[in-house]
Amino acid sequence: MNTPATNPHPASSLPVSRRTVLLVDDDSDFLFQQRVQLEAAGFEVLAAVGQGEASEILDRHRPDLAVIDLMMENADAGFTLSYHIKKKDPTIPVIMVTSVNSVTGMDFDATADEQRAWIKADAFLAKPIRFEQLKLQIDRLLKE
């Protein structure tokens, strides 16, 4: 008599909780492209068109990581939002993405402690970015 196979690891049949990424940018094309790729990579994405919408999302959800554009409603909206996230929960990694480097010639970096102290971001990527660059930083910051 054949008996049905039993799963030796019953916990492995439970659904795996997906990591949540808060994606904030005022460029709808960038939002769409990154959202599609993040979801294809297995992330749940909370997308916001700007700082105000992102703040509303943060009142209801705690993302595992945030990807934020620097210049949105205001030239410093990304800095303000990143500060708000870190004040609410300093364990949420923040990746700042922006084209400010190519537009202004100013070079931002978040690798030194003194830069992280005022930037309040854990990584800084210059646009245009390839998804592989973003995914590499996400993996590094989430330590998967």
Protein backbone atom coordinates (compact mmCIF):
# COMPACT_ATOMS: atom_id res chain seq x y z
CA MET A 1 0.00 0.00 0.00
CA ASN A 2 1.38 3.37 -1.03
CA THR A 3 1.14 6.14 1.50
CA PRO A 4 1.29 9.76 0.47
CA ALA A 5 4.68 11.38 0.89
CA THR A 6 4.92 13.65 3.87
CA ASN A 7 6.80 16.89 3.90
CA PRO A 8 9.74 16.45 6.27
CA HIS A 9 9.90 20.25 6.65
CA PRO A 10 6.31 21.47 7.16
CA ALA A 11 7.49 25.04 7.74
CA SER A 12 8.87 25.13 4.20
CA SER A 13 5.35 24.94 2.84
CA LEU A 14 4.39 28.18 4.56
CA PRO A 15 4.32 31.29 2.40
CA VAL A 16 7.52 33.32 2.53
CA SER A 17 7.08 36.93 3.56
CA ARG A 18 8.23 39.22 0.79
CA ARG A 19 10.41 42.22 1.53
CA THR A 20 8.73 45.58 1.03
CA VAL A 21 10.37 48.47 -0.82
CA LEU A 22 9.05 52.02 -0.64
CA LEU A 23 9.79 53.55 -4.06
CA VAL A 24 9.44 57.35 -4.28
CA ASP A 25 9.99 59.45 -7.40
CA ASP A 26 8.11 62.17 -9.27
CA ASP A 27 9.10 60.60 -12.61
CA SER A 28 6.27 58.20 -13.50
CA ASP A 29 8.42 56.36 -16.08
CA PHE A 30 11.14 55.69 -13.49
CA LEU A 31 8.51 54.54 -10.97
CA PHE A 32 6.93 52.16 -13.46
CA GLN A 33 10.22 50.66 -14.68
CA GLN A 34 11.66 50.14 -11.21
CA ARG A 35 8.37 48.84 -9.80
CA VAL A 36 8.09 46.18 -12.53
CA GLN A 37 11.67 45.06 -12.01
CA LEU A 38 11.44 45.04 -8.21
CA GLU A 39 8.23 43.00 -8.31
CA ALA A 40 9.82 40.58 -10.79
CA ALA A 41 12.70 40.21 -8.30
CA GLY A 42 10.19 39.19 -5.62
CA PHE A 43 9.67 42.44 -3.71
CA GLU A 44 6.41 44.01 -2.67
CA VAL A 45 6.48 47.64 -3.82
CA LEU A 46 4.79 50.63 -2.23
CA ALA A 47 5.08 53.39 -4.85
CA ALA A 48 4.65 57.11 -4.18
CA VAL A 49 4.79 60.02 -6.63
CA GLY A 50 6.35 62.41 -4.13
CA GLN A 51 7.24 63.24 -0.55
CA GLY A 52 3.66 63.90 0.55
CA GLU A 53 2.30 60.61 -0.76
CA ALA A 54 5.29 58.75 0.69
CA SER A 55 4.65 60.27 4.13
CA GLU A 56 1.05 59.03 3.99
CA ILE A 57 2.26 55.51 3.12
CA LEU A 58 4.76 55.63 5.99
CA ASP A 59 1.95 56.43 8.42
CA ARG A 60 0.36 53.07 7.54
CA HIS A 61 3.30 50.81 6.57
CA ARG A 62 6.86 50.01 7.58
CA PRO A 63 8.92 49.18 4.50
CA ASP A 64 12.05 47.05 4.73
CA LEU A 65 13.91 49.56 2.54
CA ALA A 66 13.24 52.88 0.78
CA VAL A 67 14.43 54.09 -2.64
CA ILE A 68 13.97 57.86 -2.85
CA ASP A 69 14.56 60.47 -5.53
CA LEU A 70 16.31 63.60 -4.24
CA MET A 71 14.51 66.35 -6.15
CA MET A 72 10.72 66.05 -6.23
CA GLU A 73 8.21 68.68 -5.03
CA ASN A 74 11.16 70.68 -3.66
CA ALA A 75 14.86 70.55 -4.45
CA ASP A 76 15.49 68.86 -1.10
CA ALA A 77 12.33 66.72 -0.77
CA GLY A 78 14.38 63.52 -0.82
CA PHE A 79 16.62 64.72 2.01
CA THR A 80 13.55 65.69 4.04
CA LEU A 81 11.83 62.37 3.41
CA SER A 82 14.97 60.40 4.21
CA TYR A 83 15.33 62.34 7.48
CA HIS A 84 11.68 61.57 8.31
CA ILE A 85 12.19 57.85 7.63
CA LYS A 86 15.36 57.65 9.72
CA LYS A 87 13.75 59.59 12.57
CA LYS A 88 10.76 57.22 12.55
CA ASP A 89 12.88 54.05 12.28
CA PRO A 90 16.68 54.33 11.88
CA THR A 91 16.90 50.64 10.89
CA ILE A 92 15.16 51.21 7.53
CA PRO A 93 17.88 51.46 4.86
CA VAL A 94 17.49 54.38 2.44
CA ILE A 95 18.87 54.50 -1.09
CA MET A 96 18.89 57.99 -2.60
CA VAL A 97 18.70 58.12 -6.41
CA THR A 98 19.03 61.34 -8.38
CA SER A 99 20.17 63.07 -11.52
CA VAL A 100 21.48 66.03 -9.50
CA ASN A 101 25.07 64.92 -10.21
CA SER A 102 24.66 65.32 -13.97
CA VAL A 103 22.49 68.45 -13.71
CA THR A 104 24.50 70.45 -11.16
CA GLY A 105 27.92 68.80 -11.19
CA MET A 106 27.63 68.34 -7.43
CA ASP A 107 28.82 64.95 -6.24
CA PHE A 108 26.94 63.35 -3.34
CA ASP A 109 28.09 60.21 -1.62
CA ALA A 110 26.91 58.38 1.47
CA THR A 111 29.97 56.29 2.22
CA ALA A 112 31.65 58.48 4.85
CA ASP A 113 30.15 58.90 8.32
CA GLU A 114 30.07 62.71 8.10
CA GLN A 115 28.16 62.54 4.80
CA ARG A 116 25.64 60.03 6.17
CA ALA A 117 25.13 62.34 9.16
CA TRP A 118 23.53 65.03 7.02
CA ILE A 119 22.37 63.06 3.98
CA LYS A 120 20.54 60.43 6.09
CA ALA A 121 20.89 57.86 3.32
CA ASP A 122 22.73 54.56 3.31
CA ALA A 123 23.57 54.59 -0.39
CA PHE A 124 23.52 57.13 -3.19
CA LEU A 125 23.02 56.22 -6.87
CA ALA A 126 23.29 58.65 -9.78
CA LYS A 127 20.60 58.44 -12.47
CA PRO A 128 20.32 56.94 -14.94
CA ILE A 129 20.71 53.70 -13.02
CA ARG A 130 20.61 50.15 -14.24
CA PHE A 131 18.39 47.83 -12.22
CA GLU A 132 21.42 45.63 -11.50
CA GLN A 133 23.02 48.58 -9.66
CA LEU A 134 19.92 49.12 -7.58
CA LYS A 135 19.49 45.42 -6.83
CA LEU A 136 23.12 45.15 -5.75
CA GLN A 137 22.63 47.98 -3.23
CA ILE A 138 19.31 46.53 -2.01
CA ASP A 139 20.90 43.12 -1.45
CA ARG A 140 23.85 44.70 0.35
CA LEU A 141 21.63 46.79 2.63
CA LEU A 142 19.16 44.01 3.40
CA LYS A 143 22.02 41.52 3.84
CA GLU A 144 20.21 38.68 2.11
